Amino acid sequence: GGELCACGNTGCLETLVSTRVLVRIARDVCWKNPDSPIHAFVDRPEAITTDVAYQAYHAGDSDLQSKSLEMARYLGIVIANIIGLMNIESILIGGS
């Protein structure tokens, strides 16, 4: 199950942990929470970018922070499973 991924499958990690997901979550927060700090950075949800989402996160947007922690949890689970399966010593995560 889960959201449809760009690859055509559902439930891929990219649908849970990516900058695209972060922007979508930030836009959702912007629509639903008129008191969100994100409104100090943009005048409409469509203008939200990754940089705006980061700014709102650091400005203390609790909705965005809790969703980001959820994303981090999913990523941590995947990394722990990869380490356990492949017995590797380090993982390098790239991107913004």
PDB file of N, CA and C in Angstrom:
ATOM      1  N   GLY A   1       0.812  -1.191   0.000  1.00  0.00           N
ATOM      2  CA  GLY A   1       0.000   0.000   0.000  1.00  0.00           C
ATOM      3  C   GLY A   1       0.854   1.253   0.000  1.00  0.00           C
ATOM      4  N   GLY A   2       0.236   2.322   0.378  1.00  0.00           N
ATOM      5  CA  GLY A   2       0.946   3.586   0.452  1.00  0.00           C
ATOM      6  C   GLY A   2       0.761   4.428  -0.789  1.00  0.00           C
ATOM      7  N   GLU A   3       1.433   5.550  -0.791  1.00  0.00           N
ATOM      8  CA  GLU A   3       1.346   6.515  -1.883  1.00  0.00           C
ATOM      9  C   GLU A   3       2.024   5.985  -3.140  1.00  0.00           C
ATOM     10  N   LEU A   4       1.499   6.374  -4.288  1.00  0.00           N
ATOM     11  CA  LEU A   4       2.093   5.986  -5.574  1.00  0.00           C
ATOM     12  C   LEU A   4       3.413   6.719  -5.759  1.00  0.00           C
ATOM     13  N   CYS A   5       4.455   5.978  -6.066  1.00  0.00           N
ATOM     14  CA  CYS A   5       5.792   6.521  -6.267  1.00  0.00           C
ATOM     15  C   CYS A   5       5.992   6.896  -7.738  1.00  0.00           C
ATOM     16  N   ALA A   6       6.986   7.709  -8.000  1.00  0.00           N
ATOM     17  CA  ALA A   6       7.321   8.097  -9.370  1.00  0.00           C
ATOM     18  C   ALA A   6       7.730   6.885 -10.210  1.00  0.00           C
ATOM     19  N   CYS A   7       8.211   5.821  -9.553  1.00  0.00           N
ATOM     20  CA  CYS A   7       8.627   4.621 -10.275  1.00  0.00           C
ATOM     21  C   CYS A   7       7.441   3.761 -10.699  1.00  0.00           C
ATOM     22  N   GLY A   8       6.246   4.081 -10.147  1.00  0.00           N
ATOM     23  CA  GLY A   8       5.053   3.314 -10.481  1.00  0.00           C
ATOM     24  C   GLY A   8       4.619   2.348  -9.388  1.00  0.00           C
ATOM     25  N   ASN A   9       5.491   2.085  -8.429  1.00  0.00           N
ATOM     26  CA  ASN A   9       5.145   1.217  -7.307  1.00  0.00           C
ATOM     27  C   ASN A   9       4.513   2.036  -6.187  1.00  0.00           C
ATOM     28  N   THR A  10       4.044   1.365  -5.168  1.00  0.00           N
ATOM     29  CA  THR A  10       3.507   2.059  -4.007  1.00  0.00           C
ATOM     30  C   THR A  10       4.314   1.687  -2.777  1.00  0.00           C
ATOM     31  N   GLY A  11       4.344   2.607  -1.821  1.00  0.00           N
ATOM     32  CA  GLY A  11       5.013   2.329  -0.563  1.00  0.00           C
ATOM     33  C   GLY A  11       6.525   2.432  -0.589  1.00  0.00           C
ATOM     34  N   CYS A  12       7.108   3.004  -1.620  1.00  0.00           N
ATOM     35  CA  CYS A  12       8.567   3.158  -1.693  1.00  0.00           C
ATOM     36  C   CYS A  12       9.038   4.168  -0.647  1.00  0.00           C
ATOM     37  N   LEU A  13      10.299   4.045  -0.234  1.00  0.00           N
ATOM     38  CA  LEU A  13      10.863   4.957   0.749  1.00  0.00           C
ATOM     39  C   LEU A  13      10.755   6.402   0.277  1.00  0.00           C
ATOM     40  N   GLU A  14      10.916   6.631  -1.000  1.00  0.00           N
ATOM     41  CA  GLU A  14      10.846   7.982  -1.555  1.00  0.00           C
ATOM     42  C   GLU A  14       9.495   8.654  -1.290  1.00  0.00           C
ATOM     43  N   THR A  15       8.443   7.854  -1.108  1.00  0.00           N
ATOM     44  CA  THR A  15       7.127   8.433  -0.831  1.00  0.00           C
ATOM     45  C   THR A  15       6.972   8.816   0.638  1.00  0.00           C
ATOM     46  N   LEU A  16       7.931   8.419   1.465  1.00  0.00           N
ATOM     47  CA  LEU A  16       7.890   8.722   2.895  1.00  0.00           C
ATOM     48  C   LEU A  16       8.985   9.688   3.326  1.00  0.00           C
ATOM     49  N   VAL A  17      10.142   9.627   2.647  1.00  0.00           N
ATOM     50  CA  VAL A  17      11.304  10.401   3.050  1.00  0.00           C
ATOM     51  C   VAL A  17      11.967  10.993   1.805  1.00  0.00           C
ATOM     52  N   SER A  18      11.676  12.252   1.534  1.00  0.00           N
ATOM     53  CA  SER A  18      12.313  12.958   0.431  1.00  0.00           C
ATOM     54  C   SER A  18      12.007  14.445   0.560  1.00  0.00           C
ATOM     55  N   THR A  19      12.742  15.246  -0.171  1.00  0.00           N
ATOM     56  CA  THR A  19      12.461  16.678  -0.137  1.00  0.00           C
ATOM     57  C   THR A  19      11.094  16.970  -0.745  1.00  0.00           C
ATOM     58  N   ARG A  20      10.680  16.169  -1.704  1.00  0.00           N
ATOM     59  CA  ARG A  20       9.347  16.342  -2.298  1.00  0.00           C
ATOM     60  C   ARG A  20       8.269  16.138  -1.235  1.00  0.00           C
ATOM     61  N   VAL A  21       8.448  15.145  -0.402  1.00  0.00           N
ATOM     62  CA  VAL A  21       7.499  14.876   0.684  1.00  0.00           C
ATOM     63  C   VAL A  21       7.536  16.016   1.702  1.00  0.00           C
ATOM     64  N   LEU A  22       8.731  16.510   2.024  1.00  0.00           N
ATOM     65  CA  LEU A  22       8.860  17.615   2.970  1.00  0.00           C
ATOM     66  C   LEU A  22       8.102  18.846   2.477  1.00  0.00           C
ATOM     67  N   VAL A  23       8.233  19.166   1.199  1.00  0.00           N
ATOM     68  CA  VAL A  23       7.520  20.316   0.630  1.00  0.00           C
ATOM     69  C   VAL A  23       6.015  20.076   0.666  1.00  0.00           C
ATOM     70  N   ARG A  24       5.588  18.877   0.334  1.00  0.00           N
ATOM     71  CA  ARG A  24       4.148  18.560   0.371  1.00  0.00           C
ATOM     72  C   ARG A  24       3.602  18.712   1.784  1.00  0.00           C
ATOM     73  N   ILE A  25       4.335  18.232   2.768  1.00  0.00           N
ATOM     74  CA  ILE A  25       3.919  18.356   4.165  1.00  0.00           C
ATOM     75  C   ILE A  25       3.868  19.831   4.569  1.00  0.00           C
ATOM     76  N   ALA A  26       4.875  20.603   4.190  1.00  0.00           N
ATOM     77  CA  ALA A  26       4.905  22.031   4.523  1.00  0.00           C
ATOM     78  C   ALA A  26       3.715  22.757   3.906  1.00  0.00           C
ATOM     79  N   ARG A  27       3.382  22.402   2.677  1.00  0.00           N
ATOM     80  CA  ARG A  27       2.218  23.026   2.034  1.00  0.00           C
ATOM     81  C   ARG A  27       0.931  22.655   2.751  1.00  0.00           C
ATOM     82  N   ASP A  28       0.837  21.413   3.193  1.00  0.00           N
ATOM     83  CA  ASP A  28      -0.336  20.971   3.934  1.00  0.00           C
ATOM     84  C   ASP A  28      -0.449  21.724   5.264  1.00  0.00           C
ATOM     85  N   VAL A  29       0.668  21.884   5.957  1.00  0.00           N
ATOM     86  CA  VAL A  29       0.691  22.634   7.208  1.00  0.00           C
ATOM     87  C   VAL A  29       0.247  24.074   6.957  1.00  0.00           C
ATOM     88  N   CYS A  30       0.733  24.657   5.876  1.00  0.00           N
ATOM     89  CA  CYS A  30       0.395  26.033   5.532  1.00  0.00           C
ATOM     90  C   CYS A  30      -1.109  26.187   5.308  1.00  0.00           C
ATOM     91  N   TRP A  31      -1.708  25.231   4.603  1.00  0.00           N
ATOM     92  CA  TRP A  31      -3.152  25.274   4.363  1.00  0.00           C
ATOM     93  C   TRP A  31      -3.961  25.122   5.639  1.00  0.00           C
ATOM     94  N   LYS A  32      -3.524  24.193   6.495  1.00  0.00           N
ATOM     95  CA  LYS A  32      -4.331  23.820   7.654  1.00  0.00           C
ATOM     96  C   LYS A  32      -4.097  24.665   8.911  1.00  0.00           C
ATOM     97  N   ASN A  33      -2.946  25.307   9.020  1.00  0.00           N
ATOM     98  CA  ASN A  33      -2.608  26.023  10.251  1.00  0.00           C
ATOM     99  C   ASN A  33      -2.294  27.491   9.961  1.00  0.00           C
ATOM    100  N   PRO A  34      -3.269  28.364  10.145  1.00  0.00           N
ATOM    101  CA  PRO A  34      -3.035  29.787   9.882  1.00  0.00           C
ATOM    102  C   PRO A  34      -2.034  30.429  10.846  1.00  0.00           C
ATOM    103  N   ASP A  35      -1.736  29.765  11.962  1.00  0.00           N
ATOM    104  CA  ASP A  35      -0.782  30.291  12.935  1.00  0.00           C
ATOM    105  C   ASP A  35       0.636  29.768  12.717  1.00  0.00           C
ATOM    106  N   SER A  36       0.827  28.962  11.705  1.00  0.00           N
ATOM    107  CA  SER A  36       2.135  28.364  11.441  1.00  0.00           C
ATOM    108  C   SER A  36       3.174  29.439  11.104  1.00  0.00           C
ATOM    109  N   PRO A  37       4.399  29.310  11.623  1.00  0.00           N
ATOM    110  CA  PRO A  37       5.479  30.238  11.275  1.00  0.00           C
ATOM    111  C   PRO A  37       5.793  30.259   9.778  1.00  0.00           C
ATOM    112  N   ILE A  38       5.349  29.257   9.061  1.00  0.00           N
ATOM    113  CA  ILE A  38       5.642  29.190   7.631  1.00  0.00           C
ATOM    114  C   ILE A  38       5.043  30.374   6.875  1.00  0.00           C
ATOM    115  N   HIS A  39       3.982  30.954   7.432  1.00  0.00           N
ATOM    116  CA  HIS A  39       3.330  32.097   6.786  1.00  0.00           C
ATOM    117  C   HIS A  39       4.222  33.336   6.774  1.00  0.00           C
ATOM    118  N   ALA A  40       5.235  33.377   7.616  1.00  0.00           N
ATOM    119  CA  ALA A  40       6.173  34.502   7.622  1.00  0.00           C
ATOM    120  C   ALA A  40       7.116  34.456   6.423  1.00  0.00           C
ATOM    121  N   PHE A  41       7.188  33.311   5.769  1.00  0.00           N
ATOM    122  CA  PHE A  41       8.137  33.137   4.667  1.00  0.00           C
ATOM    123  C   PHE A  41       7.485  33.135   3.291  1.00  0.00           C
ATOM    124  N   VAL A  42       6.211  32.806   3.223  1.00  0.00           N
ATOM    125  CA  VAL A  42       5.498  32.761   1.931  1.00  0.00           C
ATOM    126  C   VAL A  42       4.088  33.305   2.101  1.00  0.00           C
ATOM    127  N   ASP A  43       3.513  33.749   1.008  1.00  0.00           N
ATOM    128  CA  ASP A  43       2.147  34.261   1.065  1.00  0.00           C
ATOM    129  C   ASP A  43       1.115  33.241   0.603  1.00  0.00           C
ATOM    130  N   ARG A  44       1.584  32.150  -0.014  1.00  0.00           N
ATOM    131  CA  ARG A  44       0.662  31.104  -0.463  1.00  0.00           C
ATOM    132  C   ARG A  44       1.389  29.757  -0.456  1.00  0.00           C
ATOM    133  N   PRO A  45       0.688  28.671  -0.197  1.00  0.00           N
ATOM    134  CA  PRO A  45       1.321  27.348  -0.099  1.00  0.00           C
ATOM    135  C   PRO A  45       2.089  26.935  -1.358  1.00  0.00           C
ATOM    136  N   GLU A  46       1.618  27.345  -2.511  1.00  0.00           N
ATOM    137  CA  GLU A  46       2.269  26.947  -3.764  1.00  0.00           C
ATOM    138  C   GLU A  46       3.690  27.503  -3.879  1.00  0.00           C
ATOM    139  N   ALA A  47       3.999  28.534  -3.103  1.00  0.00           N
ATOM    140  CA  ALA A  47       5.320  29.153  -3.155  1.00  0.00           C
ATOM    141  C   ALA A  47       6.337  28.454  -2.256  1.00  0.00           C
ATOM    142  N   ILE A  48       5.907  27.457  -1.519  1.00  0.00           N
ATOM    143  CA  ILE A  48       6.808  26.763  -0.593  1.00  0.00           C
ATOM    144  C   ILE A  48       7.802  25.905  -1.362  1.00  0.00           C
ATOM    145  N   THR A  49       9.062  26.075  -1.007  1.00  0.00           N
ATOM    146  CA  THR A  49      10.166  25.284  -1.550  1.00  0.00           C
ATOM    147  C   THR A  49      10.840  24.545  -0.390  1.00  0.00           C
ATOM    148  N   THR A  50      11.831  23.763  -0.704  1.00  0.00           N
ATOM    149  CA  THR A  50      12.586  23.071   0.332  1.00  0.00           C
ATOM    150  C   THR A  50      13.212  24.078   1.295  1.00  0.00           C
ATOM    151  N   ASP A  51      13.778  25.151   0.754  1.00  0.00           N
ATOM    152  CA  ASP A  51      14.400  26.161   1.603  1.00  0.00           C
ATOM    153  C   ASP A  51      13.395  26.802   2.556  1.00  0.00           C
ATOM    154  N   VAL A  52      12.190  27.087   2.069  1.00  0.00           N
ATOM    155  CA  VAL A  52      11.149  27.664   2.914  1.00  0.00           C
ATOM    156  C   VAL A  52      10.766  26.674   4.014  1.00  0.00           C
ATOM    157  N   ALA A  53      10.645  25.410   3.667  1.00  0.00           N
ATOM    158  CA  ALA A  53      10.312  24.391   4.663  1.00  0.00           C
ATOM    159  C   ALA A  53      11.388  24.324   5.744  1.00  0.00           C
ATOM    160  N   TYR A  54      12.661  24.392   5.344  1.00  0.00           N
ATOM    161  CA  TYR A  54      13.754  24.397   6.316  1.00  0.00           C
ATOM    162  C   TYR A  54      13.676  25.620   7.219  1.00  0.00           C
ATOM    163  N   GLN A  55      13.387  26.784   6.640  1.00  0.00           N
ATOM    164  CA  GLN A  55      13.286  28.008   7.433  1.00  0.00           C
ATOM    165  C   GLN A  55      12.161  27.904   8.459  1.00  0.00           C
ATOM    166  N   ALA A  56      11.018  27.404   8.028  1.00  0.00           N
ATOM    167  CA  ALA A  56       9.885  27.256   8.938  1.00  0.00           C
ATOM    168  C   ALA A  56      10.197  26.245  10.043  1.00  0.00           C
ATOM    169  N   TYR A  57      10.886  25.176   9.678  1.00  0.00           N
ATOM    170  CA  TYR A  57      11.296  24.179  10.677  1.00  0.00           C
ATOM    171  C   TYR A  57      12.143  24.843  11.762  1.00  0.00           C
ATOM    172  N   HIS A  58      13.153  25.601  11.328  1.00  0.00           N
ATOM    173  CA  HIS A  58      14.061  26.248  12.278  1.00  0.00           C
ATOM    174  C   HIS A  58      13.401  27.413  13.011  1.00  0.00           C
ATOM    175  N   ALA A  59      12.308  27.922  12.467  1.00  0.00           N
ATOM    176  CA  ALA A  59      11.561  28.988  13.139  1.00  0.00           C
ATOM    177  C   ALA A  59      10.623  28.429  14.205  1.00  0.00           C
ATOM    178  N   GLY A  60      10.562  27.103  14.319  1.00  0.00           N
ATOM    179  CA  GLY A  60       9.793  26.482  15.388  1.00  0.00           C
ATOM    180  C   GLY A  60       8.419  25.980  15.011  1.00  0.00           C
ATOM    181  N   ASP A  61       8.173  25.718  13.731  1.00  0.00           N
ATOM    182  CA  ASP A  61       6.869  25.184  13.322  1.00  0.00           C
ATOM    183  C   ASP A  61       6.722  23.773  13.876  1.00  0.00           C
ATOM    184  N   SER A  62       5.910  23.622  14.911  1.00  0.00           N
ATOM    185  CA  SER A  62       5.803  22.332  15.602  1.00  0.00           C
ATOM    186  C   SER A  62       5.186  21.247  14.722  1.00  0.00           C
ATOM    187  N   ASP A  63       4.236  21.611  13.856  1.00  0.00           N
ATOM    188  CA  ASP A  63       3.646  20.618  12.947  1.00  0.00           C
ATOM    189  C   ASP A  63       4.695  20.078  11.998  1.00  0.00           C
ATOM    190  N   LEU A  64       5.466  20.967  11.423  1.00  0.00           N
ATOM    191  CA  LEU A  64       6.510  20.564  10.479  1.00  0.00           C
ATOM    192  C   LEU A  64       7.612  19.783  11.185  1.00  0.00           C
ATOM    193  N   GLN A  65       7.936  20.181  12.405  1.00  0.00           N
ATOM    194  CA  GLN A  65       8.963  19.470  13.162  1.00  0.00           C
ATOM    195  C   GLN A  65       8.523  18.049  13.498  1.00  0.00           C
ATOM    196  N   SER A  66       7.272  17.872  13.889  1.00  0.00           N
ATOM    197  CA  SER A  66       6.817  16.515  14.230  1.00  0.00           C
ATOM    198  C   SER A  66       6.758  15.627  12.993  1.00  0.00           C
ATOM    199  N   LYS A  67       6.349  16.174  11.872  1.00  0.00           N
ATOM    200  CA  LYS A  67       6.329  15.390  10.627  1.00  0.00           C
ATOM    201  C   LYS A  67       7.749  15.055  10.177  1.00  0.00           C
ATOM    202  N   SER A  68       8.680  15.980  10.378  1.00  0.00           N
ATOM    203  CA  SER A  68      10.074  15.723  10.019  1.00  0.00           C
ATOM    204  C   SER A  68      10.666  14.618  10.884  1.00  0.00           C
ATOM    205  N   LEU A  69      10.302  14.597  12.161  1.00  0.00           N
ATOM    206  CA  LEU A  69      10.763  13.523  13.046  1.00  0.00           C
ATOM    207  C   LEU A  69      10.214  12.176  12.605  1.00  0.00           C
ATOM    208  N   GLU A  70       8.984  12.174  12.131  1.00  0.00           N
ATOM    209  CA  GLU A  70       8.395  10.940  11.601  1.00  0.00           C
ATOM    210  C   GLU A  70       9.163  10.470  10.370  1.00  0.00           C
ATOM    211  N   MET A  71       9.523  11.415   9.479  1.00  0.00           N
ATOM    212  CA  MET A  71      10.319  11.066   8.308  1.00  0.00           C
ATOM    213  C   MET A  71      11.674  10.500   8.735  1.00  0.00           C
ATOM    214  N   ALA A  72      12.289  11.123   9.727  1.00  0.00           N
ATOM    215  CA  ALA A  72      13.589  10.658  10.225  1.00  0.00           C
ATOM    216  C   ALA A  72      13.483   9.264  10.822  1.00  0.00           C
ATOM    217  N   ARG A  73      12.381   8.991  11.485  1.00  0.00           N
ATOM    218  CA  ARG A  73      12.159   7.657  12.058  1.00  0.00           C
ATOM    219  C   ARG A  73      12.123   6.601  10.962  1.00  0.00           C
ATOM    220  N   TYR A  74      11.379   6.876   9.885  1.00  0.00           N
ATOM    221  CA  TYR A  74      11.324   5.935   8.764  1.00  0.00           C
ATOM    222  C   TYR A  74      12.720   5.723   8.169  1.00  0.00           C
ATOM    223  N   LEU A  75      13.462   6.799   7.987  1.00  0.00           N
ATOM    224  CA  LEU A  75      14.799   6.681   7.426  1.00  0.00           C
ATOM    225  C   LEU A  75      15.707   5.881   8.353  1.00  0.00           C
ATOM    226  N   GLY A  76      15.589   6.114   9.650  1.00  0.00           N
ATOM    227  CA  GLY A  76      16.389   5.362  10.623  1.00  0.00           C
ATOM    228  C   GLY A  76      16.097   3.876  10.593  1.00  0.00           C
ATOM    229  N   ILE A  77      14.830   3.524  10.447  1.00  0.00           N
ATOM    230  CA  ILE A  77      14.443   2.112  10.364  1.00  0.00           C
ATOM    231  C   ILE A  77      15.079   1.466   9.140  1.00  0.00           C
ATOM    232  N   VAL A  78      15.020   2.159   8.014  1.00  0.00           N
ATOM    233  CA  VAL A  78      15.592   1.619   6.776  1.00  0.00           C
ATOM    234  C   VAL A  78      17.104   1.464   6.901  1.00  0.00           C
ATOM    235  N   ILE A  79      17.764   2.472   7.441  1.00  0.00           N
ATOM    236  CA  ILE A  79      19.222   2.408   7.599  1.00  0.00           C
ATOM    237  C   ILE A  79      19.607   1.266   8.534  1.00  0.00           C
ATOM    238  N   ALA A  80      18.892   1.118   9.632  1.00  0.00           N
ATOM    239  CA  ALA A  80      19.187   0.022  10.566  1.00  0.00           C
ATOM    240  C   ALA A  80      19.011  -1.331   9.889  1.00  0.00           C
ATOM    241  N   ASN A  81      17.982  -1.475   9.072  1.00  0.00           N
ATOM    242  CA  ASN A  81      17.768  -2.737   8.357  1.00  0.00           C
ATOM    243  C   ASN A  81      18.863  -3.005   7.333  1.00  0.00           C
ATOM    244  N   ILE A  82      19.298  -1.972   6.626  1.00  0.00           N
ATOM    245  CA  ILE A  82      20.375  -2.135   5.641  1.00  0.00           C
ATOM    246  C   ILE A  82      21.662  -2.565   6.351  1.00  0.00           C
ATOM    247  N   ILE A  83      21.972  -1.920   7.454  1.00  0.00           N
ATOM    248  CA  ILE A  83      23.181  -2.268   8.217  1.00  0.00           C
ATOM    249  C   ILE A  83      23.092  -3.707   8.710  1.00  0.00           C
ATOM    250  N   GLY A  84      21.926  -4.083   9.226  1.00  0.00           N
ATOM    251  CA  GLY A  84      21.747  -5.443   9.722  1.00  0.00           C
ATOM    252  C   GLY A  84      21.837  -6.494   8.637  1.00  0.00           C
ATOM    253  N   LEU A  85      21.297  -6.188   7.466  1.00  0.00           N
ATOM    254  CA  LEU A  85      21.299  -7.160   6.373  1.00  0.00           C
ATOM    255  C   LEU A  85      22.657  -7.296   5.702  1.00  0.00           C
ATOM    256  N   MET A  86      23.345  -6.164   5.563  1.00  0.00           N
ATOM    257  CA  MET A  86      24.569  -6.171   4.758  1.00  0.00           C
ATOM    258  C   MET A  86      25.845  -6.108   5.609  1.00  0.00           C
ATOM    259  N   ASN A  87      25.681  -5.944   6.926  1.00  0.00           N
ATOM    260  CA  ASN A  87      26.834  -5.867   7.826  1.00  0.00           C
ATOM    261  C   ASN A  87      27.855  -4.838   7.373  1.00  0.00           C
ATOM    262  N   ILE A  88      27.374  -3.650   7.031  1.00  0.00           N
ATOM    263  CA  ILE A  88      28.279  -2.593   6.580  1.00  0.00           C
ATOM    264  C   ILE A  88      28.631  -1.680   7.751  1.00  0.00           C
ATOM    265  N   GLU A  89      29.739  -0.955   7.600  1.00  0.00           N
ATOM    266  CA  GLU A  89      30.231  -0.126   8.692  1.00  0.00           C
ATOM    267  C   GLU A  89      29.752   1.323   8.621  1.00  0.00           C
ATOM    268  N   SER A  90      29.412   1.804   7.443  1.00  0.00           N
ATOM    269  CA  SER A  90      28.979   3.201   7.349  1.00  0.00           C
ATOM    270  C   SER A  90      28.031   3.386   6.174  1.00  0.00           C
ATOM    271  N   ILE A  91      27.221   4.423   6.293  1.00  0.00           N
ATOM    272  CA  ILE A  91      26.277   4.781   5.241  1.00  0.00           C
ATOM    273  C   ILE A  91      26.411   6.269   5.006  1.00  0.00           C
ATOM    274  N   LEU A  92      26.477   6.667   3.764  1.00  0.00           N
ATOM    275  CA  LEU A  92      26.558   8.069   3.382  1.00  0.00           C
ATOM    276  C   LEU A  92      25.207   8.474   2.800  1.00  0.00           C
ATOM    277  N   ILE A  93      24.607   9.512   3.377  1.00  0.00           N
ATOM    278  CA  ILE A  93      23.326  10.010   2.890  1.00  0.00           C
ATOM    279  C   ILE A  93      23.594  11.328   2.187  1.00  0.00           C
ATOM    280  N   GLY A  94      23.154  11.451   0.953  1.00  0.00           N
ATOM    281  CA  GLY A  94      23.383  12.663   0.178  1.00  0.00           C
ATOM    282  C   GLY A  94      22.098  13.385  -0.157  1.00  0.00           C
ATOM    283  N   GLY A  95      22.242  14.557  -0.707  1.00  0.00           N
ATOM    284  CA  GLY A  95      21.093  15.354  -1.121  1.00  0.00           C
ATOM    285  C   GLY A  95      20.777  16.419  -0.094  1.00  0.00           C
ATOM    286  N   SER A  96      19.753  17.185  -0.394  1.00  0.00           N
ATOM    287  CA  SER A  96      19.399  18.266   0.521  1.00  0.00           C
ATOM    288  C   SER A  96      18.501  17.737   1.615  1.00  0.00           C
TER     289      SER A  96
END
